[in-house]
PDB file of N, CA and C in Angstrom:
ATOM      1  N   UNK A   1       0.853  -1.173   0.000  1.00  0.00           N
ATOM      2  CA  UNK A   1       0.000   0.000   0.000  1.00  0.00           C
ATOM      3  C   UNK A   1       0.899   1.237   0.000  1.00  0.00           C
ATOM      4  N   UNK A   2       0.785   2.091  -1.011  1.00  0.00           N
ATOM      5  CA  UNK A   2       1.576   3.335  -1.049  1.00  0.00           C
ATOM      6  C   UNK A   2       1.095   4.332   0.011  1.00  0.00           C
ATOM      7  N   UNK A   3       2.047   4.997   0.595  1.00  0.00           N
ATOM      8  CA  UNK A   3       1.757   5.987   1.635  1.00  0.00           C
ATOM      9  C   UNK A   3       2.417   7.301   1.240  1.00  0.00           C
ATOM     10  N   UNK A   4       1.705   8.397   1.437  1.00  0.00           N
ATOM     11  CA  UNK A   4       2.277   9.721   1.195  1.00  0.00           C
ATOM     12  C   UNK A   4       2.443  10.451   2.525  1.00  0.00           C
ATOM     13  N   UNK A   5       3.459  11.279   2.582  1.00  0.00           N
ATOM     14  CA  UNK A   5       3.729  12.071   3.777  1.00  0.00           C
ATOM     15  C   UNK A   5       3.403  13.531   3.470  1.00  0.00           C
ATOM     16  N   UNK A   6       2.455  14.087   4.201  1.00  0.00           N
ATOM     17  CA  UNK A   6       2.061  15.482   4.029  1.00  0.00           C
ATOM     18  C   UNK A   6       2.719  16.315   5.130  1.00  0.00           C
ATOM     19  N   UNK A   7       3.519  17.285   4.722  1.00  0.00           N
ATOM     20  CA  UNK A   7       4.208  18.143   5.675  1.00  0.00           C
ATOM     21  C   UNK A   7       3.194  19.046   6.376  1.00  0.00           C
ATOM     22  N   UNK A   8       3.128  18.961   7.712  1.00  0.00           N
ATOM     23  CA  UNK A   8       2.151  19.729   8.483  1.00  0.00           C
ATOM     24  C   UNK A   8       2.777  20.940   9.185  1.00  0.00           C
ATOM     25  N   UNK A   9       3.938  20.740   9.834  1.00  0.00           N
ATOM     26  CA  UNK A   9       4.568  21.814  10.601  1.00  0.00           C
ATOM     27  C   UNK A   9       6.081  21.674  10.541  1.00  0.00           C
ATOM     28  N   UNK A  10       6.762  22.806  10.698  1.00  0.00           N
ATOM     29  CA  UNK A  10       8.227  22.809  10.810  1.00  0.00           C
ATOM     30  C   UNK A  10       8.638  23.685  11.975  1.00  0.00           C
ATOM     31  N   UNK A  11       9.771  23.351  12.552  1.00  0.00           N
ATOM     32  CA  UNK A  11      10.340  24.191  13.598  1.00  0.00           C
ATOM     33  C   UNK A  11      11.861  24.177  13.446  1.00  0.00           C
ATOM     34  N   UNK A  12      12.499  25.191  13.995  1.00  0.00           N
ATOM     35  CA  UNK A  12      13.951  25.338  13.973  1.00  0.00           C
ATOM     36  C   UNK A  12      14.452  25.074  15.385  1.00  0.00           C
ATOM     37  N   UNK A  13      15.462  24.213  15.515  1.00  0.00           N
ATOM     38  CA  UNK A  13      16.025  23.921  16.826  1.00  0.00           C
ATOM     39  C   UNK A  13      17.511  24.234  16.834  1.00  0.00           C
ATOM     40  N   UNK A  14      17.932  24.911  17.888  1.00  0.00           N
ATOM     41  CA  UNK A  14      19.343  25.226  18.096  1.00  0.00           C
ATOM     42  C   UNK A  14      19.751  24.600  19.422  1.00  0.00           C
ATOM     43  N   UNK A  15      20.746  23.716  19.369  1.00  0.00           N
ATOM     44  CA  UNK A  15      21.248  23.062  20.589  1.00  0.00           C
ATOM     45  C   UNK A  15      22.480  23.826  21.064  1.00  0.00           C
ATOM     46  N   UNK A  16      22.485  24.196  22.359  1.00  0.00           N
ATOM     47  CA  UNK A  16      23.593  24.971  22.930  1.00  0.00           C
ATOM     48  C   UNK A  16      24.136  24.275  24.177  1.00  0.00           C
ATOM     49  N   UNK A  17      25.446  24.422  24.382  1.00  0.00           N
ATOM     50  CA  UNK A  17      26.096  23.925  25.597  1.00  0.00           C
ATOM     51  C   UNK A  17      25.982  25.008  26.656  1.00  0.00           C
ATOM     52  N   UNK A  18      25.323  24.698  27.763  1.00  0.00           N
ATOM     53  CA  UNK A  18      25.131  25.700  28.808  1.00  0.00           C
ATOM     54  C   UNK A  18      26.069  25.514  29.996  1.00  0.00           C
ATOM     55  N   UNK A  19      26.931  24.494  29.939  1.00  0.00           N
ATOM     56  CA  UNK A  19      27.867  24.269  31.031  1.00  0.00           C
ATOM     57  C   UNK A  19      28.147  22.791  31.201  1.00  0.00           C
ATOM     58  N   UNK A  20      28.640  22.437  32.394  1.00  0.00           N
ATOM     59  CA  UNK A  20      28.915  21.043  32.709  1.00  0.00           C
ATOM     60  C   UNK A  20      28.312  20.703  34.064  1.00  0.00           C
ATOM     61  N   UNK A  21      27.989  19.420  34.229  1.00  0.00           N
ATOM     62  CA  UNK A  21      27.460  18.982  35.519  1.00  0.00           C
ATOM     63  C   UNK A  21      28.611  18.628  36.452  1.00  0.00           C
ATOM     64  N   UNK A  22      28.292  18.108  37.631  1.00  0.00           N
ATOM     65  CA  UNK A  22      29.317  17.813  38.644  1.00  0.00           C
ATOM     66  C   UNK A  22      30.261  16.694  38.208  1.00  0.00           C
ATOM     67  N   UNK A  23      29.867  15.881  37.224  1.00  0.00           N
ATOM     68  CA  UNK A  23      30.725  14.808  36.713  1.00  0.00           C
ATOM     69  C   UNK A  23      31.524  15.236  35.484  1.00  0.00           C
ATOM     70  N   UNK A  24      31.375  16.475  35.066  1.00  0.00           N
ATOM     71  CA  UNK A  24      32.101  16.979  33.920  1.00  0.00           C
ATOM     72  C   UNK A  24      31.411  16.746  32.584  1.00  0.00           C
ATOM     73  N   UNK A  25      30.184  16.221  32.610  1.00  0.00           N
ATOM     74  CA  UNK A  25      29.427  16.004  31.371  1.00  0.00           C
ATOM     75  C   UNK A  25      28.812  17.313  30.894  1.00  0.00           C
ATOM     76  N   UNK A  26      28.777  17.467  29.579  1.00  0.00           N
ATOM     77  CA  UNK A  26      28.208  18.681  28.999  1.00  0.00           C
ATOM     78  C   UNK A  26      26.699  18.737  29.246  1.00  0.00           C
ATOM     79  N   UNK A  27      26.210  19.912  29.577  1.00  0.00           N
ATOM     80  CA  UNK A  27      24.774  20.161  29.690  1.00  0.00           C
ATOM     81  C   UNK A  27      24.351  20.837  28.392  1.00  0.00           C
ATOM     82  N   UNK A  28      23.426  20.210  27.684  1.00  0.00           N
ATOM     83  CA  UNK A  28      22.978  20.720  26.392  1.00  0.00           C
ATOM     84  C   UNK A  28      21.502  21.086  26.492  1.00  0.00           C
ATOM     85  N   UNK A  29      21.159  22.267  26.041  1.00  0.00           N
ATOM     86  CA  UNK A  29      19.776  22.738  26.022  1.00  0.00           C
ATOM     87  C   UNK A  29      19.366  22.999  24.587  1.00  0.00           C
ATOM     88  N   UNK A  30      18.082  22.872  24.333  1.00  0.00           N
ATOM     89  CA  UNK A  30      17.556  23.093  22.991  1.00  0.00           C
ATOM     90  C   UNK A  30      16.668  24.320  22.986  1.00  0.00           C
ATOM     91  N   UNK A  31      16.944  25.222  22.067  1.00  0.00           N
ATOM     92  CA  UNK A  31      16.098  26.396  21.832  1.00  0.00           C
ATOM     93  C   UNK A  31      15.253  26.072  20.601  1.00  0.00           C
ATOM     94  N   UNK A  32      13.932  26.129  20.744  1.00  0.00           N
ATOM     95  CA  UNK A  32      13.040  25.773  19.641  1.00  0.00           C
ATOM     96  C   UNK A  32      12.250  26.992  19.192  1.00  0.00           C
ATOM     97  N   UNK A  33      12.257  27.203  17.890  1.00  0.00           N
ATOM     98  CA  UNK A  33      11.501  28.290  17.272  1.00  0.00           C
ATOM     99  C   UNK A  33      10.433  27.641  16.399  1.00  0.00           C
ATOM    100  N   UNK A  34       9.188  27.753  16.807  1.00  0.00           N
ATOM    101  CA  UNK A  34       8.080  27.070  16.136  1.00  0.00           C
ATOM    102  C   UNK A  34       7.471  27.943  15.034  1.00  0.00           C
ATOM    103  N   UNK A  35       6.540  27.361  14.329  1.00  0.00           N
ATOM    104  CA  UNK A  35       5.770  28.039  13.283  1.00  0.00           C
ATOM    105  C   UNK A  35       6.642  28.522  12.123  1.00  0.00           C
ATOM    106  N   UNK A  36       7.617  27.718  11.758  1.00  0.00           N
ATOM    107  CA  UNK A  36       8.424  28.005  10.578  1.00  0.00           C
ATOM    108  C   UNK A  36       7.583  27.659   9.352  1.00  0.00           C
ATOM    109  N   UNK A  37       7.643  28.481   8.345  1.00  0.00           N
ATOM    110  CA  UNK A  37       6.897  28.189   7.117  1.00  0.00           C
ATOM    111  C   UNK A  37       7.388  26.874   6.524  1.00  0.00           C
ATOM    112  N   UNK A  38       6.457  25.993   6.219  1.00  0.00           N
ATOM    113  CA  UNK A  38       6.833  24.690   5.683  1.00  0.00           C
ATOM    114  C   UNK A  38       7.480  24.811   4.303  1.00  0.00           C
ATOM    115  N   UNK A  39       7.213  25.885   3.592  1.00  0.00           N
ATOM    116  CA  UNK A  39       7.797  26.083   2.262  1.00  0.00           C
ATOM    117  C   UNK A  39       9.205  26.668   2.319  1.00  0.00           C
ATOM    118  N   UNK A  40       9.692  27.029   3.505  1.00  0.00           N
ATOM    119  CA  UNK A  40      11.025  27.615   3.633  1.00  0.00           C
ATOM    120  C   UNK A  40      12.087  26.610   3.192  1.00  0.00           C
ATOM    121  N   UNK A  41      13.058  27.088   2.442  1.00  0.00           N
ATOM    122  CA  UNK A  41      14.150  26.237   1.980  1.00  0.00           C
ATOM    123  C   UNK A  41      15.086  25.915   3.137  1.00  0.00           C
ATOM    124  N   UNK A  42      15.673  24.720   3.108  1.00  0.00           N
ATOM    125  CA  UNK A  42      16.608  24.311   4.154  1.00  0.00           C
ATOM    126  C   UNK A  42      17.777  25.281   4.268  1.00  0.00           C
ATOM    127  N   UNK A  43      18.282  25.752   3.132  1.00  0.00           N
ATOM    128  CA  UNK A  43      19.418  26.683   3.139  1.00  0.00           C
ATOM    129  C   UNK A  43      19.060  27.992   3.840  1.00  0.00           C
ATOM    130  N   UNK A  44      17.849  28.489   3.571  1.00  0.00           N
ATOM    131  CA  UNK A  44      17.405  29.731   4.208  1.00  0.00           C
ATOM    132  C   UNK A  44      17.210  29.536   5.708  1.00  0.00           C
ATOM    133  N   UNK A  45      16.643  28.410   6.079  1.00  0.00           N
ATOM    134  CA  UNK A  45      16.420  28.127   7.500  1.00  0.00           C
ATOM    135  C   UNK A  45      17.748  27.974   8.232  1.00  0.00           C
ATOM    136  N   UNK A  46      18.720  27.357   7.579  1.00  0.00           N
ATOM    137  CA  UNK A  46      20.048  27.212   8.174  1.00  0.00           C
ATOM    138  C   UNK A  46      20.704  28.575   8.367  1.00  0.00           C
ATOM    139  N   UNK A  47      20.552  29.457   7.392  1.00  0.00           N
ATOM    140  CA  UNK A  47      21.113  30.809   7.502  1.00  0.00           C
ATOM    141  C   UNK A  47      20.488  31.565   8.677  1.00  0.00           C
ATOM    142  N   UNK A  48      19.187  31.422   8.853  1.00  0.00           N
ATOM    143  CA  UNK A  48      18.515  32.051   9.992  1.00  0.00           C
ATOM    144  C   UNK A  48      19.020  31.435  11.291  1.00  0.00           C
ATOM    145  N   UNK A  49      19.183  30.118  11.294  1.00  0.00           N
ATOM    146  CA  UNK A  49      19.715  29.437  12.480  1.00  0.00           C
ATOM    147  C   UNK A  49      21.092  29.932  12.861  1.00  0.00           C
ATOM    148  N   UNK A  50      21.948  30.128  11.860  1.00  0.00           N
ATOM    149  CA  UNK A  50      23.292  30.655  12.138  1.00  0.00           C
ATOM    150  C   UNK A  50      23.231  32.076  12.672  1.00  0.00           C
ATOM    151  N   UNK A  51      22.318  32.885  12.134  1.00  0.00           N
ATOM    152  CA  UNK A  51      22.165  34.260  12.625  1.00  0.00           C
ATOM    153  C   UNK A  51      21.702  34.245  14.086  1.00  0.00           C
ATOM    154  N   UNK A  52      20.743  33.387  14.399  1.00  0.00           N
ATOM    155  CA  UNK A  52      20.273  33.277  15.782  1.00  0.00           C
ATOM    156  C   UNK A  52      21.360  32.692  16.686  1.00  0.00           C
ATOM    157  N   UNK A  53      22.154  31.777  16.148  1.00  0.00           N
ATOM    158  CA  UNK A  53      23.246  31.193  16.927  1.00  0.00           C
ATOM    159  C   UNK A  53      24.241  32.270  17.347  1.00  0.00           C
ATOM    160  N   UNK A  54      24.441  33.261  16.481  1.00  0.00           N
ATOM    161  CA  UNK A  54      25.353  34.350  16.817  1.00  0.00           C
ATOM    162  C   UNK A  54      24.860  35.215  17.962  1.00  0.00           C
ATOM    163  N   UNK A  55      23.575  35.135  18.261  1.00  0.00           N
ATOM    164  CA  UNK A  55      23.001  35.908  19.361  1.00  0.00           C
ATOM    165  C   UNK A  55      23.006  35.153  20.685  1.00  0.00           C
ATOM    166  N   UNK A  56      23.371  33.869  20.653  1.00  0.00           N
ATOM    167  CA  UNK A  56      23.373  33.053  21.864  1.00  0.00           C
ATOM    168  C   UNK A  56      24.622  33.341  22.684  1.00  0.00           C
ATOM    169  N   UNK A  57      24.483  33.305  23.994  1.00  0.00           N
ATOM    170  CA  UNK A  57      25.642  33.520  24.851  1.00  0.00           C
ATOM    171  C   UNK A  57      26.428  32.225  25.069  1.00  0.00           C
ATOM    172  N   UNK A  58      25.829  31.079  24.739  1.00  0.00           N
ATOM    173  CA  UNK A  58      26.480  29.781  24.909  1.00  0.00           C
ATOM    174  C   UNK A  58      26.920  29.240  23.551  1.00  0.00           C
ATOM    175  N   UNK A  59      27.934  28.367  23.539  1.00  0.00           N
ATOM    176  CA  UNK A  59      28.387  27.776  22.275  1.00  0.00           C
ATOM    177  C   UNK A  59      27.291  26.902  21.643  1.00  0.00           C
ATOM    178  N   UNK A  60      27.152  27.009  20.335  1.00  0.00           N
ATOM    179  CA  UNK A  60      26.114  26.269  19.614  1.00  0.00           C
ATOM    180  C   UNK A  60      26.672  24.932  19.135  1.00  0.00           C
ATOM    181  N   UNK A  61      25.926  23.860  19.415  1.00  0.00           N
ATOM    182  CA  UNK A  61      26.312  22.510  18.979  1.00  0.00           C
ATOM    183  C   UNK A  61      25.753  22.195  17.599  1.00  0.00           C
ATOM    184  N   UNK A  62      24.482  22.546  17.370  1.00  0.00           N
ATOM    185  CA  UNK A  62      23.876  22.206  16.083  1.00  0.00           C
ATOM    186  C   UNK A  62      22.662  23.078  15.792  1.00  0.00           C
ATOM    187  N   UNK A  63      22.339  23.152  14.503  1.00  0.00           N
ATOM    188  CA  UNK A  63      21.138  23.827  14.014  1.00  0.00           C
ATOM    189  C   UNK A  63      20.344  22.763  13.258  1.00  0.00           C
ATOM    190  N   UNK A  64      19.082  22.554  13.619  1.00  0.00           N
ATOM    191  CA  UNK A  64      18.283  21.490  13.014  1.00  0.00           C
ATOM    192  C   UNK A  64      16.908  21.987  12.611  1.00  0.00           C
ATOM    193  N   UNK A  65      16.359  21.302  11.627  1.00  0.00           N
ATOM    194  CA  UNK A  65      14.980  21.537  11.231  1.00  0.00           C
ATOM    195  C   UNK A  65      14.181  20.300  11.624  1.00  0.00           C
ATOM    196  N   UNK A  66      13.072  20.508  12.303  1.00  0.00           N
ATOM    197  CA  UNK A  66      12.201  19.407  12.699  1.00  0.00           C
ATOM    198  C   UNK A  66      10.901  19.534  11.914  1.00  0.00           C
ATOM    199  N   UNK A  67      10.565  18.474  11.185  1.00  0.00           N
ATOM    200  CA  UNK A  67       9.336  18.464  10.396  1.00  0.00           C
ATOM    201  C   UNK A  67       8.349  17.469  10.985  1.00  0.00           C
ATOM    202  N   UNK A  68       7.094  17.873  11.040  1.00  0.00           N
ATOM    203  CA  UNK A  68       6.015  16.974  11.447  1.00  0.00           C
ATOM    204  C   UNK A  68       5.221  16.641  10.193  1.00  0.00           C
ATOM    205  N   UNK A  69       5.069  15.354   9.923  1.00  0.00           N
ATOM    206  CA  UNK A  69       4.341  14.931   8.740  1.00  0.00           C
ATOM    207  C   UNK A  69       3.137  14.083   9.143  1.00  0.00           C
ATOM    208  N   UNK A  70       2.151  14.097   8.303  1.00  0.00           N
ATOM    209  CA  UNK A  70       0.970  13.253   8.476  1.00  0.00           C
ATOM    210  C   UNK A  70       1.016  12.193   7.373  1.00  0.00           C
ATOM    211  N   UNK A  71       0.933  10.934   7.774  1.00  0.00           N
ATOM    212  CA  UNK A  71       0.995   9.840   6.820  1.00  0.00           C
ATOM    213  C   UNK A  71      -0.414   9.447   6.406  1.00  0.00           C
ATOM    214  N   UNK A  72      -0.596   9.302   5.092  1.00  0.00           N
ATOM    215  CA  UNK A  72      -1.905   8.912   4.565  1.00  0.00           C
ATOM    216  C   UNK A  72      -1.731   7.866   3.479  1.00  0.00           C
ATOM    217  N   UNK A  73      -2.636   6.917   3.473  1.00  0.00           N
ATOM    218  CA  UNK A  73      -2.648   5.903   2.417  1.00  0.00           C
ATOM    219  C   UNK A  73      -3.241   6.505   1.155  1.00  0.00           C
ATOM    220  N   UNK A  74      -2.674   6.147   0.017  1.00  0.00           N
ATOM    221  CA  UNK A  74      -3.192   6.666  -1.259  1.00  0.00           C
ATOM    222  C   UNK A  74      -4.361   5.842  -1.738  1.00  0.00           C
TER     223      UNK A  74
END
């Protein structure tokens, strides 16, 4: 049975290192920016992520796009 994935929502996530715990392990927090236009190009979203990363006071680990899809049978 063929299935199609319909893109419903996108969000931008920036993971930052906020420090270390008592054992020396990195503490990583995620900053999420919701309601990203689903038609936005990955390159444009990455550029925005880098611009926002420059405003963070903590070192940035990664910039990610999270997509929510709805699966439907054809």
